[in-house]
Amino acid sequence: MRPWLRIFLIGLGLWVATVVVTTVTANSTLIPTLVLLGSFLVPVTFVVWAHGRDRSPDITVELLFNCFVIGGVLGVLGASALETWLLKPSLVIFLGVGLIEEGVKLAALLFVTRHLLRRTARDGLVLGGTVGFGFAAFESAGYAFNALFTEDGLSLRQLVETEVLRGILAPVGHGLWTAIIGGVLFAAHGRLTGKVIMAYLGVALLHALWDSMNAIAIGLTLVFTGQSWQFSQLRIGRVPRVTEQQVHLYTVLDWGGLLLISVIGLLWLRSIARAPTVRVVEGR
């Protein structure tokens, strides 16, 4: 059995067992175990999978660990600080989030790999993806923790649902976007060239569209199927009732948009991975 698959199956089994035991015993001390297992399972699995496909001698276990933990934590801390200081509620807030989060992950990747002498685009894909998955793991742990608390007390169901959803979407989120930036960065020998800046802006746009897809789907649903009485209620600040047709259309637009963004990102990643491999040694 492949290492990544073994890690995933064992981790999934432990997570399911933790869910069952926590539910049966109502033992709140197991919640940190549940949060960490659920949040880190998919990101760690994909890092092991990516490393197994490349097998570059320059990508050591120590470097992967540094990218995942140090890069991930620095990214989360930087994003939290900058979003708190710089962002205010507005129509472009999601674009601001995309620019900040992709920027701090790029900075974290540059910092962790600053001593790396040899670089290839494929190494950048792996290391960039590792930083992104580290960011996703720590961020997901925070979302899962927040989902636990409701007006009616602790909700194990909401915690589990949050971890399952974020686990499913993790491969086409932070890991994919930072892998793209890493691949372009390493192809540029670790320098912030025009191509790297354009890749950063492009990935930030995909990130912003991903985060805002819920609002976009709602807006498009109203444009296509909105009734006059619904617009009247919106104008006076009320949330109108929705029809069954609108619920179905919203769901199709929301998930269809996420799928389209994912396909664009994966095709972009594929084009970088298929580019001719040129290994550059700094200082030569």
C-alpha atoms as a PDB file:
ATOM      1  CA  MET A   1       0.000   0.000   0.000  1.00  0.00           C
ATOM      2  CA  ARG A   2       1.281   3.466  -0.870  1.00  0.00           C
ATOM      3  CA  PRO A   3       2.464   5.562   2.135  1.00  0.00           C
ATOM      4  CA  TRP A   4      -0.006   8.398   1.513  1.00  0.00           C
ATOM      5  CA  LEU A   5      -2.948   5.981   1.314  1.00  0.00           C
ATOM      6  CA  ARG A   6      -1.858   4.158   4.452  1.00  0.00           C
ATOM      7  CA  ILE A   7      -1.571   7.460   6.320  1.00  0.00           C
ATOM      8  CA  PHE A   8      -5.021   8.539   5.130  1.00  0.00           C
ATOM      9  CA  LEU A   9      -6.765   5.266   6.009  1.00  0.00           C
ATOM     10  CA  ILE A  10      -5.158   4.983   9.438  1.00  0.00           C
ATOM     11  CA  GLY A  11      -5.850   8.633  10.189  1.00  0.00           C
ATOM     12  CA  LEU A  12      -9.438   8.367   8.975  1.00  0.00           C
ATOM     13  CA  GLY A  13     -10.002   5.300  11.144  1.00  0.00           C
ATOM     14  CA  LEU A  14      -8.611   7.096  14.205  1.00  0.00           C
ATOM     15  CA  TRP A  15     -10.751  10.164  13.481  1.00  0.00           C
ATOM     16  CA  VAL A  16     -13.940   8.092  13.104  1.00  0.00           C
ATOM     17  CA  ALA A  17     -13.109   6.226  16.313  1.00  0.00           C
ATOM     18  CA  THR A  18     -12.602   9.535  18.102  1.00  0.00           C
ATOM     19  CA  VAL A  19     -15.963  10.817  16.848  1.00  0.00           C
ATOM     20  CA  VAL A  20     -17.724   7.666  18.064  1.00  0.00           C
ATOM     21  CA  VAL A  21     -16.054   7.600  21.487  1.00  0.00           C
ATOM     22  CA  THR A  22     -16.595  11.335  22.019  1.00  0.00           C
ATOM     23  CA  THR A  23     -20.276  10.972  21.103  1.00  0.00           C
ATOM     24  CA  VAL A  24     -20.828   7.960  23.352  1.00  0.00           C
ATOM     25  CA  THR A  25     -18.895   9.204  26.366  1.00  0.00           C
ATOM     26  CA  ALA A  26     -19.538  12.967  26.000  1.00  0.00           C
ATOM     27  CA  ASN A  27     -15.929  13.379  27.101  1.00  0.00           C
ATOM     28  CA  SER A  28     -14.960  16.945  26.203  1.00  0.00           C
ATOM     29  CA  THR A  29     -11.246  16.241  26.730  1.00  0.00           C
ATOM     30  CA  LEU A  30     -11.294  14.315  23.439  1.00  0.00           C
ATOM     31  CA  ILE A  31     -12.341  17.391  21.447  1.00  0.00           C
ATOM     32  CA  PRO A  32      -8.747  18.643  20.845  1.00  0.00           C
ATOM     33  CA  THR A  33      -7.859  15.196  19.472  1.00  0.00           C
ATOM     34  CA  LEU A  34     -10.921  15.298  17.222  1.00  0.00           C
ATOM     35  CA  VAL A  35     -10.107  18.800  15.974  1.00  0.00           C
ATOM     36  CA  LEU A  36      -6.445  18.067  15.251  1.00  0.00           C
ATOM     37  CA  LEU A  37      -7.022  14.716  13.553  1.00  0.00           C
ATOM     38  CA  GLY A  38      -9.791  16.058  11.351  1.00  0.00           C
ATOM     39  CA  SER A  39      -7.976  19.248  10.437  1.00  0.00           C
ATOM     40  CA  PHE A  40      -4.568  17.735   9.650  1.00  0.00           C
ATOM     41  CA  LEU A  41      -5.549  14.423   8.026  1.00  0.00           C
ATOM     42  CA  VAL A  42      -6.150  15.582   4.437  1.00  0.00           C
ATOM     43  CA  PRO A  43      -3.368  18.230   4.349  1.00  0.00           C
ATOM     44  CA  VAL A  44      -0.745  15.781   5.654  1.00  0.00           C
ATOM     45  CA  THR A  45      -1.937  13.082   3.252  1.00  0.00           C
ATOM     46  CA  PHE A  46      -1.551  15.366   0.253  1.00  0.00           C
ATOM     47  CA  VAL A  47       1.904  16.527   1.336  1.00  0.00           C
ATOM     48  CA  VAL A  48       3.071  12.909   1.541  1.00  0.00           C
ATOM     49  CA  TRP A  49       1.456  12.182  -1.851  1.00  0.00           C
ATOM     50  CA  ALA A  50       3.126  15.176  -3.505  1.00  0.00           C
ATOM     51  CA  HIS A  51       6.545  14.334  -2.082  1.00  0.00           C
ATOM     52  CA  GLY A  52       6.230  10.737  -3.211  1.00  0.00           C
ATOM     53  CA  ARG A  53       5.552  11.799  -6.792  1.00  0.00           C
ATOM     54  CA  ASP A  54       8.526  14.140  -7.005  1.00  0.00           C
ATOM     55  CA  ARG A  55      11.185  12.460  -4.823  1.00  0.00           C
ATOM     56  CA  SER A  56      13.662  15.310  -5.291  1.00  0.00           C
ATOM     57  CA  PRO A  57      16.746  14.765  -3.084  1.00  0.00           C
ATOM     58  CA  ASP A  58      16.631  18.446  -2.129  1.00  0.00           C
ATOM     59  CA  ILE A  59      13.206  18.103  -0.522  1.00  0.00           C
ATOM     60  CA  THR A  60      14.044  16.580   2.831  1.00  0.00           C
ATOM     61  CA  VAL A  61      11.638  15.598   5.572  1.00  0.00           C
ATOM     62  CA  GLU A  62      13.023  18.440   7.695  1.00  0.00           C
ATOM     63  CA  LEU A  63      12.302  20.965   4.936  1.00  0.00           C
ATOM     64  CA  LEU A  64       8.783  19.619   4.469  1.00  0.00           C
ATOM     65  CA  PHE A  65       8.182  19.882   8.205  1.00  0.00           C
ATOM     66  CA  ASN A  66       9.443  23.462   8.260  1.00  0.00           C
ATOM     67  CA  CYS A  67       7.249  24.412   5.314  1.00  0.00           C
ATOM     68  CA  PHE A  68       4.165  22.766   6.812  1.00  0.00           C
ATOM     69  CA  VAL A  69       4.505  23.918  10.418  1.00  0.00           C
ATOM     70  CA  ILE A  70       6.595  27.088  10.336  1.00  0.00           C
ATOM     71  CA  GLY A  71       5.258  28.257   6.983  1.00  0.00           C
ATOM     72  CA  GLY A  72       1.686  27.367   7.911  1.00  0.00           C
ATOM     73  CA  VAL A  73       1.794  29.067  11.314  1.00  0.00           C
ATOM     74  CA  LEU A  74       3.540  32.186   9.991  1.00  0.00           C
ATOM     75  CA  GLY A  75       0.913  32.380   7.250  1.00  0.00           C
ATOM     76  CA  VAL A  76      -2.011  32.085   9.660  1.00  0.00           C
ATOM     77  CA  LEU A  77      -0.521  34.629  12.088  1.00  0.00           C
ATOM     78  CA  GLY A  78       0.345  37.086   9.338  1.00  0.00           C
ATOM     79  CA  ALA A  79      -3.063  36.786   7.688  1.00  0.00           C
ATOM     80  CA  SER A  80      -4.883  37.243  10.993  1.00  0.00           C
ATOM     81  CA  ALA A  81      -2.908  40.362  11.904  1.00  0.00           C
ATOM     82  CA  LEU A  82      -3.120  42.026   8.490  1.00  0.00           C
ATOM     83  CA  GLU A  83      -6.811  41.240   7.960  1.00  0.00           C
ATOM     84  CA  THR A  84      -7.603  42.709  11.389  1.00  0.00           C
ATOM     85  CA  TRP A  85      -5.597  45.875  10.764  1.00  0.00           C
ATOM     86  CA  LEU A  86      -6.345  46.508   7.091  1.00  0.00           C
ATOM     87  CA  LEU A  87      -9.752  45.095   6.150  1.00  0.00           C
ATOM     88  CA  LYS A  88     -13.103  46.738   6.769  1.00  0.00           C
ATOM     89  CA  PRO A  89     -16.539  45.443   5.645  1.00  0.00           C
ATOM     90  CA  SER A  90     -16.920  46.353   1.968  1.00  0.00           C
ATOM     91  CA  LEU A  91     -17.781  44.933  -1.435  1.00  0.00           C
ATOM     92  CA  VAL A  92     -14.111  44.108  -2.088  1.00  0.00           C
ATOM     93  CA  ILE A  93     -13.318  42.490   1.254  1.00  0.00           C
ATOM     94  CA  PHE A  94     -12.901  39.047  -0.326  1.00  0.00           C
ATOM     95  CA  LEU A  95     -10.325  40.426  -2.750  1.00  0.00           C
ATOM     96  CA  GLY A  96      -8.471  41.883   0.219  1.00  0.00           C
ATOM     97  CA  VAL A  97      -8.533  38.501   1.954  1.00  0.00           C
ATOM     98  CA  GLY A  98      -7.182  36.804  -1.174  1.00  0.00           C
ATOM     99  CA  LEU A  99      -4.361  39.311  -1.592  1.00  0.00           C
ATOM    100  CA  ILE A 100      -3.382  39.137   2.081  1.00  0.00           C
ATOM    101  CA  GLU A 101      -3.538  35.368   2.557  1.00  0.00           C
ATOM    102  CA  GLU A 102      -1.744  34.526  -0.683  1.00  0.00           C
ATOM    103  CA  GLY A 103       0.799  37.246   0.078  1.00  0.00           C
ATOM    104  CA  VAL A 104       1.640  35.952   3.543  1.00  0.00           C
ATOM    105  CA  LYS A 105       1.908  32.380   2.261  1.00  0.00           C
ATOM    106  CA  LEU A 106       4.282  33.541  -0.468  1.00  0.00           C
ATOM    107  CA  ALA A 107       6.338  35.412   2.136  1.00  0.00           C
ATOM    108  CA  ALA A 108       6.367  32.335   4.397  1.00  0.00           C
ATOM    109  CA  LEU A 109       7.548  30.149   1.495  1.00  0.00           C
ATOM    110  CA  LEU A 110      10.338  32.610   0.680  1.00  0.00           C
ATOM    111  CA  PHE A 111      11.429  32.639   4.321  1.00  0.00           C
ATOM    112  CA  VAL A 112      11.434  28.893   4.904  1.00  0.00           C
ATOM    113  CA  THR A 113      13.234  28.079   1.636  1.00  0.00           C
ATOM    114  CA  ARG A 114      15.689  30.997   1.749  1.00  0.00           C
ATOM    115  CA  HIS A 115      18.709  28.694   2.184  1.00  0.00           C
ATOM    116  CA  LEU A 116      17.726  26.254  -0.563  1.00  0.00           C
ATOM    117  CA  LEU A 117      20.461  26.239  -3.216  1.00  0.00           C
ATOM    118  CA  ARG A 118      18.827  24.282  -6.035  1.00  0.00           C
ATOM    119  CA  ARG A 119      15.339  25.021  -7.299  1.00  0.00           C
ATOM    120  CA  THR A 120      13.003  23.572  -9.905  1.00  0.00           C
ATOM    121  CA  ALA A 121       9.402  24.379 -10.698  1.00  0.00           C
ATOM    122  CA  ARG A 122       8.329  20.958  -9.457  1.00  0.00           C
ATOM    123  CA  ASP A 123      10.160  21.486  -6.155  1.00  0.00           C
ATOM    124  CA  GLY A 124       8.284  24.776  -5.874  1.00  0.00           C
ATOM    125  CA  LEU A 125       4.984  23.011  -6.460  1.00  0.00           C
ATOM    126  CA  VAL A 126       5.692  20.573  -3.632  1.00  0.00           C
ATOM    127  CA  LEU A 127       7.050  23.105  -1.145  1.00  0.00           C
ATOM    128  CA  GLY A 128       4.463  25.744  -2.003  1.00  0.00           C
ATOM    129  CA  GLY A 129       1.713  23.175  -1.655  1.00  0.00           C
ATOM    130  CA  THR A 130       3.162  22.127   1.704  1.00  0.00           C
ATOM    131  CA  VAL A 131       3.041  25.700   3.025  1.00  0.00           C
ATOM    132  CA  GLY A 132      -0.516  26.017   1.724  1.00  0.00           C
ATOM    133  CA  PHE A 133      -1.645  22.765   3.307  1.00  0.00           C
ATOM    134  CA  GLY A 134      -0.020  23.771   6.586  1.00  0.00           C
ATOM    135  CA  PHE A 135      -1.977  27.028   6.457  1.00  0.00           C
ATOM    136  CA  ALA A 136      -5.168  25.092   5.642  1.00  0.00           C
ATOM    137  CA  ALA A 137      -4.647  22.650   8.526  1.00  0.00           C
ATOM    138  CA  PHE A 138      -4.206  25.328  11.180  1.00  0.00           C
ATOM    139  CA  GLU A 139      -7.024  27.433   9.732  1.00  0.00           C
ATOM    140  CA  SER A 140      -9.378  24.432   9.628  1.00  0.00           C
ATOM    141  CA  ALA A 141      -8.598  23.670  13.265  1.00  0.00           C
ATOM    142  CA  GLY A 142      -9.747  27.191  14.127  1.00  0.00           C
ATOM    143  CA  TYR A 143     -12.939  26.895  12.084  1.00  0.00           C
ATOM    144  CA  ALA A 144     -13.723  23.515  13.653  1.00  0.00           C
ATOM    145  CA  PHE A 145     -13.163  24.908  17.128  1.00  0.00           C
ATOM    146  CA  ASN A 146     -15.470  27.863  16.431  1.00  0.00           C
ATOM    147  CA  ALA A 147     -18.138  25.547  14.986  1.00  0.00           C
ATOM    148  CA  LEU A 148     -18.236  23.692  18.297  1.00  0.00           C
ATOM    149  CA  PHE A 149     -19.837  26.613  20.117  1.00  0.00           C
ATOM    150  CA  THR A 150     -23.519  27.406  19.522  1.00  0.00           C
ATOM    151  CA  GLU A 151     -26.293  29.242  21.352  1.00  0.00           C
ATOM    152  CA  ASP A 152     -27.522  25.874  22.634  1.00  0.00           C
ATOM    153  CA  GLY A 153     -24.122  24.793  23.950  1.00  0.00           C
ATOM    154  CA  LEU A 154     -21.422  22.595  22.442  1.00  0.00           C
ATOM    155  CA  SER A 155     -22.339  21.026  19.087  1.00  0.00           C
ATOM    156  CA  LEU A 156     -20.271  17.993  18.148  1.00  0.00           C
ATOM    157  CA  ARG A 157     -22.334  17.611  14.965  1.00  0.00           C
ATOM    158  CA  GLN A 158     -21.376  21.061  13.686  1.00  0.00           C
ATOM    159  CA  LEU A 159     -17.712  20.423  14.476  1.00  0.00           C
ATOM    160  CA  VAL A 160     -17.738  17.142  12.532  1.00  0.00           C
ATOM    161  CA  GLU A 161     -19.643  18.648   9.590  1.00  0.00           C
ATOM    162  CA  THR A 162     -17.155  21.532   9.403  1.00  0.00           C
ATOM    163  CA  GLU A 163     -14.177  19.180   9.376  1.00  0.00           C
ATOM    164  CA  VAL A 164     -15.706  16.909   6.741  1.00  0.00           C
ATOM    165  CA  LEU A 165     -16.552  19.821   4.429  1.00  0.00           C
ATOM    166  CA  ARG A 166     -13.168  21.515   4.810  1.00  0.00           C
ATOM    167  CA  GLY A 167     -11.413  18.168   4.388  1.00  0.00           C
ATOM    168  CA  ILE A 168     -13.216  17.546   1.093  1.00  0.00           C
ATOM    169  CA  LEU A 169     -12.404  21.026  -0.224  1.00  0.00           C
ATOM    170  CA  ALA A 170      -8.827  21.208   1.126  1.00  0.00           C
ATOM    171  CA  PRO A 171      -7.093  19.768  -1.995  1.00  0.00           C
ATOM    172  CA  VAL A 172      -8.458  22.559  -4.224  1.00  0.00           C
ATOM    173  CA  GLY A 173      -7.964  25.396  -1.751  1.00  0.00           C
ATOM    174  CA  HIS A 174      -4.881  26.784  -0.026  1.00  0.00           C
ATOM    175  CA  GLY A 175      -2.632  23.884  -1.022  1.00  0.00           C
ATOM    176  CA  LEU A 176      -3.436  24.252  -4.728  1.00  0.00           C
ATOM    177  CA  TRP A 177      -3.097  28.049  -4.792  1.00  0.00           C
ATOM    178  CA  THR A 178       0.231  28.173  -2.959  1.00  0.00           C
ATOM    179  CA  ALA A 179       1.564  25.272  -5.039  1.00  0.00           C
ATOM    180  CA  ILE A 180       0.953  27.377  -8.160  1.00  0.00           C
ATOM    181  CA  ILE A 181       2.782  30.366  -6.678  1.00  0.00           C
ATOM    182  CA  GLY A 182       5.624  28.101  -5.498  1.00  0.00           C
ATOM    183  CA  GLY A 183       6.030  26.538  -8.922  1.00  0.00           C
ATOM    184  CA  VAL A 184       6.194  29.910 -10.670  1.00  0.00           C
ATOM    185  CA  LEU A 185       8.520  31.309  -7.967  1.00  0.00           C
ATOM    186  CA  PHE A 186      11.002  28.444  -8.207  1.00  0.00           C
ATOM    187  CA  ALA A 187      10.893  28.551 -12.010  1.00  0.00           C
ATOM    188  CA  ALA A 188      12.010  32.183 -11.589  1.00  0.00           C
ATOM    189  CA  HIS A 189      14.911  30.995  -9.375  1.00  0.00           C
ATOM    190  CA  GLY A 190      13.240  32.310  -6.211  1.00  0.00           C
ATOM    191  CA  ARG A 191      13.075  35.904  -7.452  1.00  0.00           C
ATOM    192  CA  LEU A 192       9.995  38.127  -7.432  1.00  0.00           C
ATOM    193  CA  THR A 193       9.800  38.621 -11.182  1.00  0.00           C
ATOM    194  CA  GLY A 194       6.876  39.957 -13.175  1.00  0.00           C
ATOM    195  CA  LYS A 195       5.631  36.404 -13.792  1.00  0.00           C
ATOM    196  CA  VAL A 196       5.650  35.686 -10.065  1.00  0.00           C
ATOM    197  CA  ILE A 197       3.707  38.873  -9.304  1.00  0.00           C
ATOM    198  CA  MET A 198       1.162  38.039 -12.019  1.00  0.00           C
ATOM    199  CA  ALA A 199       0.807  34.496 -10.644  1.00  0.00           C
ATOM    200  CA  TYR A 200       0.287  35.935  -7.162  1.00  0.00           C
ATOM    201  CA  LEU A 201      -2.431  38.285  -8.408  1.00  0.00           C
ATOM    202  CA  GLY A 202      -4.075  35.501 -10.416  1.00  0.00           C
ATOM    203  CA  VAL A 203      -4.134  33.108  -7.470  1.00  0.00           C
ATOM    204  CA  ALA A 204      -5.405  35.870  -5.161  1.00  0.00           C
ATOM    205  CA  LEU A 205      -8.260  36.440  -7.621  1.00  0.00           C
ATOM    206  CA  LEU A 206      -9.141  32.726  -7.634  1.00  0.00           C
ATOM    207  CA  HIS A 207      -9.042  32.804  -3.827  1.00  0.00           C
ATOM    208  CA  ALA A 208     -11.335  35.841  -3.731  1.00  0.00           C
ATOM    209  CA  LEU A 209     -13.808  34.274  -6.162  1.00  0.00           C
ATOM    210  CA  TRP A 210     -13.808  31.068  -4.094  1.00  0.00           C
ATOM    211  CA  ASP A 211     -14.560  32.922  -0.852  1.00  0.00           C
ATOM    212  CA  SER A 212     -17.238  35.097  -2.461  1.00  0.00           C
ATOM    213  CA  MET A 213     -18.961  32.337  -4.441  1.00  0.00           C
ATOM    214  CA  ASN A 214     -21.760  32.113  -1.890  1.00  0.00           C
ATOM    215  CA  ALA A 215     -22.604  35.784  -2.356  1.00  0.00           C
ATOM    216  CA  ILE A 216     -22.155  35.554  -6.127  1.00  0.00           C
ATOM    217  CA  ALA A 217     -24.543  32.580  -6.293  1.00  0.00           C
ATOM    218  CA  ILE A 218     -27.146  34.439  -4.244  1.00  0.00           C
ATOM    219  CA  GLY A 219     -26.856  37.497  -6.470  1.00  0.00           C
ATOM    220  CA  LEU A 220     -27.125  35.505  -9.695  1.00  0.00           C
ATOM    221  CA  THR A 221     -30.095  33.571  -8.349  1.00  0.00           C
ATOM    222  CA  LEU A 222     -31.921  36.823  -7.639  1.00  0.00           C
ATOM    223  CA  VAL A 223     -30.995  38.214 -11.062  1.00  0.00           C
ATOM    224  CA  PHE A 224     -32.319  35.130 -12.865  1.00  0.00           C
ATOM    225  CA  THR A 225     -35.360  34.280 -10.746  1.00  0.00           C
ATOM    226  CA  GLY A 226     -35.976  37.190  -8.355  1.00  0.00           C
ATOM    227  CA  GLN A 227     -39.590  38.334  -7.866  1.00  0.00           C
ATOM    228  CA  SER A 228     -40.664  41.954  -7.430  1.00  0.00           C
ATOM    229  CA  TRP A 229     -41.878  41.299  -3.885  1.00  0.00           C
ATOM    230  CA  GLN A 230     -38.476  39.879  -2.959  1.00  0.00           C
ATOM    231  CA  PHE A 231     -36.681  42.992  -4.193  1.00  0.00           C
ATOM    232  CA  SER A 232     -39.203  45.125  -2.299  1.00  0.00           C
ATOM    233  CA  GLN A 233     -38.372  43.345   0.946  1.00  0.00           C
ATOM    234  CA  LEU A 234     -34.647  43.677   0.303  1.00  0.00           C
ATOM    235  CA  ARG A 235     -35.017  47.440  -0.200  1.00  0.00           C
ATOM    236  CA  ILE A 236     -36.502  47.805   3.293  1.00  0.00           C
ATOM    237  CA  GLY A 237     -33.838  45.616   4.880  1.00  0.00           C
ATOM    238  CA  ARG A 238     -35.786  42.378   5.218  1.00  0.00           C
ATOM    239  CA  VAL A 239     -34.655  38.921   4.142  1.00  0.00           C
ATOM    240  CA  PRO A 240     -37.293  37.557   1.746  1.00  0.00           C
ATOM    241  CA  ARG A 241     -38.536  34.002   1.626  1.00  0.00           C
ATOM    242  CA  VAL A 242     -37.058  31.933  -1.197  1.00  0.00           C
ATOM    243  CA  THR A 243     -38.736  29.453  -3.492  1.00  0.00           C
ATOM    244  CA  GLU A 244     -37.730  25.837  -3.925  1.00  0.00           C
ATOM    245  CA  GLN A 245     -36.581  26.619  -7.466  1.00  0.00           C
ATOM    246  CA  GLN A 246     -34.306  29.355  -6.147  1.00  0.00           C
ATOM    247  CA  VAL A 247     -32.770  27.005  -3.580  1.00  0.00           C
ATOM    248  CA  HIS A 248     -31.922  24.501  -6.305  1.00  0.00           C
ATOM    249  CA  LEU A 249     -30.525  27.177  -8.632  1.00  0.00           C
ATOM    250  CA  TYR A 250     -28.430  28.674  -5.832  1.00  0.00           C
ATOM    251  CA  THR A 251     -26.944  25.263  -5.023  1.00  0.00           C
ATOM    252  CA  VAL A 252     -26.055  24.609  -8.672  1.00  0.00           C
ATOM    253  CA  LEU A 253     -24.465  28.051  -9.088  1.00  0.00           C
ATOM    254  CA  ASP A 254     -22.540  27.839  -5.811  1.00  0.00           C
ATOM    255  CA  TRP A 255     -21.048  24.390  -6.347  1.00  0.00           C
ATOM    256  CA  GLY A 256     -20.683  24.939 -10.085  1.00  0.00           C
ATOM    257  CA  GLY A 257     -18.658  28.075  -9.423  1.00  0.00           C
ATOM    258  CA  LEU A 258     -16.398  26.274  -6.948  1.00  0.00           C
ATOM    259  CA  LEU A 259     -15.913  23.471  -9.478  1.00  0.00           C
ATOM    260  CA  LEU A 260     -14.990  25.926 -12.238  1.00  0.00           C
ATOM    261  CA  ILE A 261     -12.448  27.697 -10.004  1.00  0.00           C
ATOM    262  CA  SER A 262     -10.958  24.325  -9.038  1.00  0.00           C
ATOM    263  CA  VAL A 263     -10.638  23.231 -12.671  1.00  0.00           C
ATOM    264  CA  ILE A 264      -8.898  26.479 -13.602  1.00  0.00           C
ATOM    265  CA  GLY A 265      -6.458  26.051 -10.720  1.00  0.00           C
ATOM    266  CA  LEU A 266      -5.748  22.406 -11.522  1.00  0.00           C
ATOM    267  CA  LEU A 267      -5.137  23.142 -15.206  1.00  0.00           C
ATOM    268  CA  TRP A 268      -2.782  25.952 -14.222  1.00  0.00           C
ATOM    269  CA  LEU A 269      -0.947  23.606 -11.854  1.00  0.00           C
ATOM    270  CA  ARG A 270      -0.723  20.962 -14.559  1.00  0.00           C
ATOM    271  CA  SER A 271       0.832  23.391 -17.031  1.00  0.00           C
ATOM    272  CA  ILE A 272       3.545  24.262 -14.494  1.00  0.00           C
ATOM    273  CA  ALA A 273       4.222  20.616 -13.657  1.00  0.00           C
ATOM    274  CA  ARG A 274       4.569  19.708 -17.348  1.00  0.00           C
ATOM    275  CA  ALA A 275       7.000  22.502 -18.150  1.00  0.00           C
ATOM    276  CA  PRO A 276      10.605  21.403 -18.894  1.00  0.00           C
ATOM    277  CA  THR A 277      12.535  20.871 -15.675  1.00  0.00           C
ATOM    278  CA  VAL A 278      15.621  23.042 -15.272  1.00  0.00           C
ATOM    279  CA  ARG A 279      17.535  22.746 -12.008  1.00  0.00           C
ATOM    280  CA  VAL A 280      19.307  25.924 -11.020  1.00  0.00           C
ATOM    281  CA  VAL A 281      22.095  26.142  -8.450  1.00  0.00           C
ATOM    282  CA  GLU A 282      22.375  29.579  -6.870  1.00  0.00           C
ATOM    283  CA  GLY A 283      25.711  31.248  -7.177  1.00  0.00           C
ATOM    284  CA  ARG A 284      26.612  29.596 -10.492  1.00  0.00           C
END
